[in-house]
């Protein structure tokens, strides 16, 4: 009876290994470097230009306030020795008020710009996902992994160039 059980278990393990080996061998896996694809897209430059144009007036306003702030700080440093105490105090108060105003306008502007960049980046990631899905379906890949998560992959498994070409054509 013991020999029968051992033989049965050995047969079960052998048949399981024979079944799983071909299944594993038949899987077709690709890798894609999403960050490299994003950085190489021509749409990235267009996005930067559009965002700069969208926030141009606000950026100019903050930049002019920053220049005025820098000028007043330099003036205080240059002329503090020849200024009266009241003049120095008035200039310092003006600098503090301008600094506070810069913080109140600059920080929300920076957040708005970052939010818009995130929105546009998400649109690009959506296009990249569609391209990956299309290429994976067309070339019958079972799995596509991010190249940064894979320690090693042969170059023939890398579909980054194909994804980049397909997304570059999309508008």
N, C-alpha and C. Protein backbone atom coordinates (compact mmCIF):
# COMPACT_ATOMS: atom_id res chain seq x y z
N UNK A 1 0.81 -1.19 0.00
CA UNK A 1 0.00 0.00 0.00
C UNK A 1 0.86 1.26 0.00
N UNK A 2 1.95 1.23 0.79
CA UNK A 2 2.85 2.39 0.84
C UNK A 2 3.46 2.66 -0.53
N UNK A 3 3.86 1.66 -1.23
CA UNK A 3 4.46 1.82 -2.54
C UNK A 3 3.45 2.37 -3.54
N UNK A 4 2.23 1.94 -3.41
CA UNK A 4 1.18 2.44 -4.30
C UNK A 4 0.97 3.95 -4.08
N UNK A 5 0.92 4.39 -2.84
CA UNK A 5 0.73 5.81 -2.51
C UNK A 5 1.92 6.63 -3.02
N UNK A 6 3.12 6.12 -2.81
CA UNK A 6 4.31 6.83 -3.29
C UNK A 6 4.30 6.93 -4.81
N UNK A 7 3.93 5.87 -5.47
CA UNK A 7 3.88 5.86 -6.92
C UNK A 7 2.82 6.83 -7.42
N UNK A 8 1.67 6.87 -6.75
CA UNK A 8 0.60 7.77 -7.12
C UNK A 8 1.02 9.24 -6.95
N UNK A 9 1.65 9.54 -5.81
CA UNK A 9 2.13 10.91 -5.57
C UNK A 9 3.21 11.31 -6.59
N UNK A 10 4.12 10.41 -6.86
CA UNK A 10 5.18 10.70 -7.83
C UNK A 10 4.58 10.94 -9.21
N UNK A 11 3.59 10.15 -9.56
CA UNK A 11 2.92 10.34 -10.85
C UNK A 11 2.19 11.67 -10.92
N UNK A 12 1.56 12.06 -9.81
CA UNK A 12 0.85 13.34 -9.77
C UNK A 12 1.83 14.51 -9.92
N UNK A 13 2.94 14.46 -9.22
CA UNK A 13 3.94 15.54 -9.34
C UNK A 13 4.53 15.60 -10.75
N UNK A 14 4.80 14.44 -11.30
CA UNK A 14 5.36 14.38 -12.63
C UNK A 14 4.39 14.94 -13.67
N UNK A 15 3.12 14.58 -13.56
CA UNK A 15 2.15 15.08 -14.53
C UNK A 15 1.92 16.58 -14.34
N UNK A 16 1.95 17.07 -13.10
CA UNK A 16 1.78 18.51 -12.85
C UNK A 16 2.95 19.28 -13.44
N UNK A 17 4.15 18.76 -13.30
CA UNK A 17 5.31 19.46 -13.85
C UNK A 17 5.31 19.42 -15.37
N UNK A 18 4.85 18.35 -15.95
CA UNK A 18 4.79 18.26 -17.40
C UNK A 18 3.75 19.21 -17.98
N UNK A 19 2.65 19.40 -17.26
CA UNK A 19 1.60 20.28 -17.74
C UNK A 19 2.01 21.75 -17.57
N UNK A 20 2.66 22.09 -16.44
CA UNK A 20 2.98 23.50 -16.18
C UNK A 20 4.16 23.99 -17.01
N UNK A 21 5.10 23.13 -17.36
CA UNK A 21 6.27 23.56 -18.12
C UNK A 21 5.88 24.11 -19.49
N UNK A 22 5.05 23.42 -20.28
CA UNK A 22 4.67 23.97 -21.58
C UNK A 22 3.84 25.25 -21.45
N UNK A 23 3.02 25.31 -20.42
CA UNK A 23 2.22 26.52 -20.23
C UNK A 23 3.13 27.71 -19.96
N UNK A 24 4.11 27.54 -19.13
CA UNK A 24 5.04 28.63 -18.83
C UNK A 24 5.88 28.98 -20.06
N UNK A 25 6.25 27.98 -20.84
CA UNK A 25 7.09 28.22 -22.01
C UNK A 25 6.34 28.96 -23.10
N UNK A 26 5.03 28.84 -23.14
CA UNK A 26 4.26 29.45 -24.20
C UNK A 26 3.89 30.90 -23.93
N UNK A 27 4.13 31.37 -22.73
CA UNK A 27 3.79 32.76 -22.44
C UNK A 27 4.75 33.69 -23.15
N UNK A 28 4.19 34.72 -23.75
CA UNK A 28 4.97 35.70 -24.48
C UNK A 28 4.94 37.00 -23.68
N UNK A 29 6.12 37.44 -23.24
CA UNK A 29 6.21 38.60 -22.36
C UNK A 29 7.04 39.69 -23.03
N UNK A 30 6.58 40.93 -22.88
CA UNK A 30 7.31 42.08 -23.41
C UNK A 30 7.55 43.07 -22.28
N UNK A 31 8.48 43.99 -22.50
CA UNK A 31 8.73 45.07 -21.55
C UNK A 31 8.66 46.39 -22.30
N UNK A 32 8.31 47.44 -21.55
CA UNK A 32 8.27 48.79 -22.12
C UNK A 32 8.76 49.76 -21.06
N UNK A 33 9.63 50.68 -21.44
CA UNK A 33 10.13 51.71 -20.54
C UNK A 33 9.25 52.95 -20.70
N UNK A 34 8.24 53.05 -19.86
CA UNK A 34 7.24 54.11 -19.98
C UNK A 34 7.87 55.49 -19.81
N UNK A 35 8.78 55.65 -18.86
CA UNK A 35 9.41 56.96 -18.64
C UNK A 35 10.21 57.40 -19.86
N UNK A 36 10.95 56.48 -20.45
CA UNK A 36 11.73 56.82 -21.65
C UNK A 36 10.80 57.18 -22.80
N UNK A 37 9.68 56.48 -22.91
CA UNK A 37 8.71 56.77 -23.98
C UNK A 37 8.16 58.18 -23.79
N UNK A 38 7.77 58.51 -22.56
CA UNK A 38 7.22 59.85 -22.29
C UNK A 38 8.23 60.93 -22.63
N UNK A 39 9.48 60.74 -22.20
CA UNK A 39 10.51 61.75 -22.43
C UNK A 39 10.83 61.94 -23.90
N UNK A 40 10.60 60.93 -24.72
CA UNK A 40 10.94 61.02 -26.14
C UNK A 40 9.77 61.48 -27.01
N UNK A 41 8.62 61.72 -26.42
CA UNK A 41 7.46 62.10 -27.21
C UNK A 41 7.51 63.57 -27.63
N UNK A 42 7.18 63.86 -28.88
CA UNK A 42 7.14 65.26 -29.31
C UNK A 42 5.99 66.03 -28.65
N UNK A 43 4.95 65.31 -28.20
CA UNK A 43 3.83 65.97 -27.54
C UNK A 43 4.26 66.63 -26.23
N UNK A 44 5.33 66.14 -25.61
CA UNK A 44 5.79 66.69 -24.33
C UNK A 44 6.17 68.16 -24.47
N UNK A 45 6.88 68.51 -25.53
CA UNK A 45 7.26 69.90 -25.77
C UNK A 45 6.03 70.76 -26.04
N UNK A 46 5.08 70.22 -26.79
CA UNK A 46 3.84 70.95 -27.08
C UNK A 46 3.07 71.23 -25.80
N UNK A 47 3.05 70.27 -24.91
CA UNK A 47 2.35 70.45 -23.63
C UNK A 47 3.00 71.58 -22.83
N UNK A 48 4.32 71.58 -22.78
CA UNK A 48 5.02 72.63 -22.02
C UNK A 48 4.72 74.02 -22.59
N UNK A 49 4.70 74.11 -23.91
CA UNK A 49 4.41 75.39 -24.56
C UNK A 49 2.97 75.83 -24.25
N UNK A 50 2.03 74.89 -24.35
CA UNK A 50 0.62 75.22 -24.06
C UNK A 50 0.42 75.68 -22.62
N UNK A 51 1.07 75.00 -21.70
CA UNK A 51 0.93 75.37 -20.28
C UNK A 51 1.56 76.73 -20.03
N UNK A 52 2.74 76.98 -20.61
CA UNK A 52 3.37 78.30 -20.46
C UNK A 52 2.48 79.39 -21.03
N UNK A 53 1.86 79.12 -22.15
CA UNK A 53 0.97 80.10 -22.78
C UNK A 53 -0.28 80.32 -21.93
N UNK A 54 -0.79 79.25 -21.37
CA UNK A 54 -2.00 79.34 -20.55
C UNK A 54 -1.79 80.19 -19.30
N UNK A 55 -0.61 80.10 -18.70
CA UNK A 55 -0.34 80.81 -17.46
C UNK A 55 0.61 82.00 -17.66
N UNK A 56 0.77 82.43 -18.92
CA UNK A 56 1.75 83.46 -19.26
C UNK A 56 1.56 84.74 -18.46
N UNK A 57 0.36 85.26 -18.40
CA UNK A 57 0.11 86.52 -17.71
C UNK A 57 0.40 86.41 -16.22
N UNK A 58 -0.02 85.31 -15.63
CA UNK A 58 0.22 85.13 -14.19
C UNK A 58 1.71 84.97 -13.91
N UNK A 59 2.41 84.25 -14.77
CA UNK A 59 3.86 84.07 -14.60
C UNK A 59 4.57 85.41 -14.72
N UNK A 60 4.16 86.24 -15.70
CA UNK A 60 4.78 87.55 -15.86
C UNK A 60 4.55 88.43 -14.64
N UNK A 61 3.34 88.38 -14.07
CA UNK A 61 3.03 89.17 -12.89
C UNK A 61 3.91 88.74 -11.71
N UNK A 62 4.05 87.45 -11.51
CA UNK A 62 4.88 86.95 -10.41
C UNK A 62 6.35 87.30 -10.66
N UNK A 63 6.81 87.18 -11.91
CA UNK A 63 8.19 87.50 -12.23
C UNK A 63 8.49 88.99 -12.00
N UNK A 64 7.56 89.86 -12.36
CA UNK A 64 7.80 91.30 -12.14
C UNK A 64 7.82 91.61 -10.66
N UNK A 65 6.95 90.96 -9.87
CA UNK A 65 7.00 91.16 -8.42
C UNK A 65 8.30 90.64 -7.84
N UNK A 66 8.78 89.52 -8.37
CA UNK A 66 10.05 88.95 -7.91
C UNK A 66 11.21 89.89 -8.22
N UNK A 67 11.18 90.49 -9.41
CA UNK A 67 12.23 91.46 -9.78
C UNK A 67 12.19 92.68 -8.87
N UNK A 68 10.98 93.17 -8.58
CA UNK A 68 10.83 94.30 -7.68
C UNK A 68 11.34 93.94 -6.28
N UNK A 69 11.02 92.75 -5.82
CA UNK A 69 11.48 92.27 -4.52
C UNK A 69 13.01 92.24 -4.48
N UNK A 70 13.62 91.64 -5.50
CA UNK A 70 15.09 91.56 -5.57
C UNK A 70 15.72 92.94 -5.60
N UNK A 71 15.11 93.86 -6.36
CA UNK A 71 15.63 95.22 -6.43
C UNK A 71 15.60 95.90 -5.06
N UNK A 72 14.49 95.74 -4.35
CA UNK A 72 14.37 96.37 -3.03
C UNK A 72 15.34 95.77 -2.01
N UNK A 73 15.56 94.48 -2.08
CA UNK A 73 16.52 93.83 -1.18
C UNK A 73 17.93 94.34 -1.47
N UNK A 74 18.27 94.43 -2.75
CA UNK A 74 19.60 94.94 -3.12
C UNK A 74 19.75 96.40 -2.71
N UNK A 75 18.68 97.17 -2.88
CA UNK A 75 18.71 98.58 -2.49
C UNK A 75 18.96 98.71 -0.99
N UNK A 76 18.28 97.88 -0.21
CA UNK A 76 18.48 97.92 1.23
C UNK A 76 19.92 97.56 1.59
N UNK A 77 20.47 96.56 0.93
CA UNK A 77 21.85 96.16 1.21
C UNK A 77 22.84 97.25 0.80
N UNK A 78 22.58 97.89 -0.36
CA UNK A 78 23.49 98.91 -0.88
C UNK A 78 23.44 100.20 -0.07
N UNK A 79 22.23 100.63 0.23
CA UNK A 79 22.07 101.98 0.77
C UNK A 79 21.73 102.02 2.25
N UNK A 80 21.77 100.91 2.93
CA UNK A 80 21.39 100.90 4.34
C UNK A 80 22.32 101.78 5.19
N UNK A 81 23.57 101.88 4.79
CA UNK A 81 24.52 102.69 5.57
C UNK A 81 24.19 104.18 5.47
N UNK A 82 23.61 104.62 4.37
CA UNK A 82 23.32 106.05 4.18
C UNK A 82 21.85 106.40 4.48
N UNK A 83 21.02 105.40 4.76
CA UNK A 83 19.60 105.65 5.02
C UNK A 83 19.36 105.94 6.50
N UNK A 84 18.33 106.71 6.72
CA UNK A 84 17.93 106.93 8.11
C UNK A 84 17.23 105.67 8.60
N UNK A 85 17.03 105.60 9.90
CA UNK A 85 16.38 104.44 10.49
C UNK A 85 14.94 104.28 10.00
N UNK A 86 14.25 105.41 9.86
CA UNK A 86 12.87 105.37 9.37
C UNK A 86 12.80 104.88 7.92
N UNK A 87 13.74 105.32 7.09
CA UNK A 87 13.78 104.88 5.69
C UNK A 87 14.05 103.37 5.60
N UNK A 88 14.98 102.90 6.43
CA UNK A 88 15.29 101.47 6.45
C UNK A 88 14.07 100.66 6.88
N UNK A 89 13.39 101.14 7.91
CA UNK A 89 12.22 100.43 8.43
C UNK A 89 11.11 100.39 7.38
N UNK A 90 10.89 101.52 6.69
CA UNK A 90 9.86 101.58 5.65
C UNK A 90 10.20 100.63 4.51
N UNK A 91 11.48 100.59 4.12
CA UNK A 91 11.90 99.71 3.04
C UNK A 91 11.77 98.23 3.45
N UNK A 92 12.12 97.94 4.69
CA UNK A 92 11.98 96.58 5.19
C UNK A 92 10.51 96.14 5.21
N UNK A 93 9.64 97.04 5.62
CA UNK A 93 8.21 96.72 5.63
C UNK A 93 7.70 96.49 4.21
N UNK A 94 8.19 97.29 3.27
CA UNK A 94 7.81 97.13 1.86
C UNK A 94 8.29 95.78 1.33
N UNK A 95 9.50 95.40 1.72
CA UNK A 95 10.07 94.11 1.30
C UNK A 95 9.25 92.96 1.89
N UNK A 96 8.89 93.08 3.15
CA UNK A 96 8.10 92.03 3.81
C UNK A 96 6.73 91.91 3.15
N UNK A 97 6.09 93.02 2.87
CA UNK A 97 4.77 93.00 2.23
C UNK A 97 4.86 92.37 0.84
N UNK A 98 5.90 92.72 0.11
CA UNK A 98 6.07 92.16 -1.23
C UNK A 98 6.37 90.66 -1.17
N UNK A 99 7.16 90.26 -0.19
CA UNK A 99 7.46 88.83 -0.01
C UNK A 99 6.17 88.04 0.29
N UNK A 100 5.34 88.60 1.18
CA UNK A 100 4.07 87.94 1.51
C UNK A 100 3.16 87.85 0.28
N UNK A 101 3.14 88.92 -0.50
CA UNK A 101 2.33 88.93 -1.72
C UNK A 101 2.84 87.90 -2.72
N UNK A 102 4.15 87.78 -2.83
CA UNK A 102 4.74 86.77 -3.71
C UNK A 102 4.35 85.36 -3.27
N UNK A 103 4.37 85.12 -1.98
CA UNK A 103 3.99 83.80 -1.48
C UNK A 103 2.52 83.52 -1.75
N UNK A 104 1.68 84.53 -1.60
CA UNK A 104 0.25 84.35 -1.80
C UNK A 104 -0.11 84.12 -3.26
N UNK A 105 0.64 84.69 -4.17
CA UNK A 105 0.34 84.50 -5.59
C UNK A 105 1.19 83.40 -6.23
N UNK A 106 2.44 83.29 -5.82
CA UNK A 106 3.37 82.35 -6.45
C UNK A 106 3.06 80.90 -6.15
N UNK A 107 2.75 80.61 -4.90
CA UNK A 107 2.50 79.23 -4.52
C UNK A 107 1.24 78.65 -5.18
N UNK A 108 0.11 79.36 -5.17
CA UNK A 108 -1.06 78.82 -5.90
C UNK A 108 -0.81 78.70 -7.41
N UNK A 109 -0.05 79.63 -7.96
CA UNK A 109 0.27 79.54 -9.39
C UNK A 109 1.09 78.28 -9.67
N UNK A 110 2.08 78.02 -8.84
CA UNK A 110 2.91 76.83 -8.99
C UNK A 110 2.05 75.57 -8.88
N UNK A 111 1.12 75.55 -7.94
CA UNK A 111 0.23 74.40 -7.78
C UNK A 111 -0.67 74.22 -9.00
N UNK A 112 -1.16 75.32 -9.54
CA UNK A 112 -2.01 75.24 -10.73
C UNK A 112 -1.23 74.70 -11.92
N UNK A 113 -0.01 75.16 -12.08
CA UNK A 113 0.84 74.68 -13.18
C UNK A 113 1.11 73.19 -13.02
N UNK A 114 1.43 72.76 -11.79
CA UNK A 114 1.71 71.35 -11.55
C UNK A 114 0.46 70.50 -11.78
N UNK A 115 -0.71 71.01 -11.40
CA UNK A 115 -1.95 70.28 -11.62
C UNK A 115 -2.20 70.09 -13.12
N UNK A 116 -2.01 71.16 -13.90
CA UNK A 116 -2.21 71.07 -15.36
C UNK A 116 -1.19 70.11 -15.98
N UNK A 117 0.06 70.17 -15.52
CA UNK A 117 1.06 69.24 -16.03
C UNK A 117 0.65 67.80 -15.72
N UNK A 118 0.11 67.58 -14.54
CA UNK A 118 -0.36 66.24 -14.18
C UNK A 118 -1.49 65.77 -15.06
N UNK A 119 -2.43 66.69 -15.36
CA UNK A 119 -3.55 66.35 -16.25
C UNK A 119 -3.03 65.94 -17.63
N UNK A 120 -2.12 66.74 -18.16
CA UNK A 120 -1.58 66.45 -19.49
C UNK A 120 -0.75 65.17 -19.49
N UNK A 121 -0.02 64.95 -18.42
CA UNK A 121 0.77 63.73 -18.29
C UNK A 121 -0.15 62.51 -18.26
N UNK A 122 -1.27 62.62 -17.54
CA UNK A 122 -2.22 61.52 -17.49
C UNK A 122 -2.81 61.22 -18.87
N UNK A 123 -3.04 62.28 -19.67
CA UNK A 123 -3.52 62.06 -21.03
C UNK A 123 -2.48 61.28 -21.84
N UNK A 124 -1.21 61.66 -21.70
CA UNK A 124 -0.14 60.94 -22.41
C UNK A 124 -0.06 59.49 -21.94
N UNK A 125 -0.19 59.28 -20.63
CA UNK A 125 -0.15 57.92 -20.12
C UNK A 125 -1.30 57.09 -20.66
N UNK A 126 -2.47 57.72 -20.85
CA UNK A 126 -3.60 57.03 -21.45
C UNK A 126 -3.30 56.61 -22.89
N UNK A 127 -2.67 57.52 -23.65
CA UNK A 127 -2.28 57.19 -25.03
C UNK A 127 -1.26 56.05 -25.04
N UNK A 128 -0.32 56.10 -24.10
CA UNK A 128 0.70 55.05 -24.01
C UNK A 128 0.05 53.72 -23.67
N UNK A 129 -0.88 53.74 -22.75
CA UNK A 129 -1.60 52.50 -22.36
C UNK A 129 -2.34 51.93 -23.56
N UNK A 130 -3.01 52.79 -24.34
CA UNK A 130 -3.72 52.31 -25.53
C UNK A 130 -2.75 51.70 -26.53
N UNK A 131 -1.60 52.35 -26.71
CA UNK A 131 -0.60 51.83 -27.65
C UNK A 131 -0.07 50.48 -27.18
N UNK A 132 0.21 50.37 -25.90
CA UNK A 132 0.71 49.10 -25.35
C UNK A 132 -0.33 48.00 -25.55
N UNK A 133 -1.58 48.32 -25.21
CA UNK A 133 -2.66 47.33 -25.39
C UNK A 133 -2.78 46.90 -26.84
N UNK A 134 -2.71 47.87 -27.76
CA UNK A 134 -2.81 47.55 -29.19
C UNK A 134 -1.67 46.68 -29.67
N UNK A 135 -0.46 47.02 -29.29
CA UNK A 135 0.71 46.25 -29.71
C UNK A 135 0.68 44.85 -29.08
N UNK A 136 0.29 44.79 -27.81
CA UNK A 136 0.22 43.49 -27.13
C UNK A 136 -0.81 42.58 -27.80
N UNK A 137 -1.94 43.14 -28.19
CA UNK A 137 -2.97 42.34 -28.86
C UNK A 137 -2.51 41.92 -30.26
N UNK A 138 -1.92 42.86 -30.98
CA UNK A 138 -1.49 42.60 -32.36
C UNK A 138 -0.38 41.53 -32.40
N UNK A 139 0.57 41.64 -31.47
CA UNK A 139 1.71 40.72 -31.48
C UNK A 139 1.52 39.54 -30.52
N UNK A 140 0.32 39.42 -29.96
CA UNK A 140 -0.07 38.29 -29.12
C UNK A 140 0.81 38.14 -27.87
N UNK A 141 1.06 39.24 -27.17
CA UNK A 141 1.79 39.17 -25.90
C UNK A 141 0.81 38.83 -24.80
N UNK A 142 1.24 37.94 -23.90
CA UNK A 142 0.42 37.58 -22.75
C UNK A 142 0.56 38.60 -21.63
N UNK A 143 1.74 39.23 -21.56
CA UNK A 143 2.01 40.15 -20.47
C UNK A 143 3.01 41.21 -20.95
N UNK A 144 2.77 42.46 -20.52
CA UNK A 144 3.70 43.55 -20.79
C UNK A 144 4.06 44.17 -19.45
N UNK A 145 5.35 44.20 -19.14
CA UNK A 145 5.83 44.72 -17.87
C UNK A 145 6.57 46.04 -18.08
N UNK A 146 6.57 46.85 -17.04
CA UNK A 146 7.35 48.09 -17.08
C UNK A 146 8.82 47.71 -16.97
N UNK A 147 9.64 48.25 -17.83
CA UNK A 147 11.06 47.89 -17.88
C UNK A 147 11.79 48.23 -16.58
N UNK A 148 11.32 49.22 -15.86
CA UNK A 148 11.99 49.58 -14.60
C UNK A 148 11.73 48.54 -13.52
N UNK A 149 10.72 47.69 -13.68
CA UNK A 149 10.41 46.66 -12.70
C UNK A 149 11.08 45.33 -13.02
N UNK A 150 11.76 45.27 -14.16
CA UNK A 150 12.39 44.03 -14.61
C UNK A 150 13.91 44.20 -14.53
N UNK A 151 14.59 43.32 -13.81
CA UNK A 151 16.05 43.48 -13.71
C UNK A 151 16.79 43.23 -15.02
N UNK A 152 16.23 42.35 -15.86
CA UNK A 152 16.88 42.06 -17.14
C UNK A 152 15.83 41.62 -18.14
N UNK A 153 15.97 42.10 -19.35
CA UNK A 153 15.13 41.64 -20.46
C UNK A 153 15.94 41.78 -21.74
N UNK A 154 15.81 40.82 -22.61
CA UNK A 154 16.49 40.90 -23.90
C UNK A 154 15.87 42.03 -24.71
N UNK A 155 16.67 42.63 -25.56
CA UNK A 155 16.18 43.77 -26.34
C UNK A 155 15.07 43.38 -27.30
N UNK A 156 15.01 42.14 -27.71
CA UNK A 156 13.93 41.74 -28.61
C UNK A 156 12.56 41.71 -27.92
N UNK A 157 12.57 41.74 -26.59
CA UNK A 157 11.31 41.78 -25.84
C UNK A 157 10.88 43.21 -25.51
N UNK A 158 11.72 44.18 -25.81
CA UNK A 158 11.43 45.58 -25.50
C UNK A 158 10.60 46.20 -26.63
N UNK A 159 9.40 46.63 -26.31
CA UNK A 159 8.51 47.23 -27.32
C UNK A 159 8.42 48.75 -27.15
N UNK A 160 9.34 49.33 -26.39
CA UNK A 160 9.30 50.77 -26.12
C UNK A 160 9.32 51.60 -27.40
N UNK A 161 10.16 51.24 -28.34
CA UNK A 161 10.27 51.99 -29.59
C UNK A 161 8.97 51.94 -30.37
N UNK A 162 8.34 50.78 -30.42
CA UNK A 162 7.06 50.64 -31.13
C UNK A 162 5.99 51.50 -30.47
N UNK A 163 5.97 51.49 -29.13
CA UNK A 163 4.99 52.30 -28.39
C UNK A 163 5.24 53.78 -28.66
N UNK A 164 6.50 54.18 -28.62
CA UNK A 164 6.85 55.60 -28.85
C UNK A 164 6.43 56.04 -30.24
N UNK A 165 6.66 55.21 -31.23
CA UNK A 165 6.28 55.55 -32.61
C UNK A 165 4.76 55.68 -32.74
N UNK A 166 4.04 54.76 -32.14
CA UNK A 166 2.58 54.78 -32.25
C UNK A 166 1.99 55.99 -31.52
N UNK A 167 2.50 56.32 -30.33
CA UNK A 167 1.98 57.46 -29.57
C UNK A 167 2.38 58.77 -30.24
N UNK A 168 3.55 58.81 -30.86
CA UNK A 168 3.98 60.03 -31.57
C UNK A 168 3.06 60.37 -32.71
N UNK A 169 2.51 59.36 -33.34
CA UNK A 169 1.57 59.59 -34.46
C UNK A 169 0.23 60.09 -33.97
N UNK A 170 -0.14 59.74 -32.74
CA UNK A 170 -1.44 60.18 -32.17
C UNK A 170 -1.37 61.64 -31.79
N UNK A 171 -2.50 62.32 -31.84
CA UNK A 171 -2.52 63.73 -31.46
C UNK A 171 -3.38 63.93 -30.28
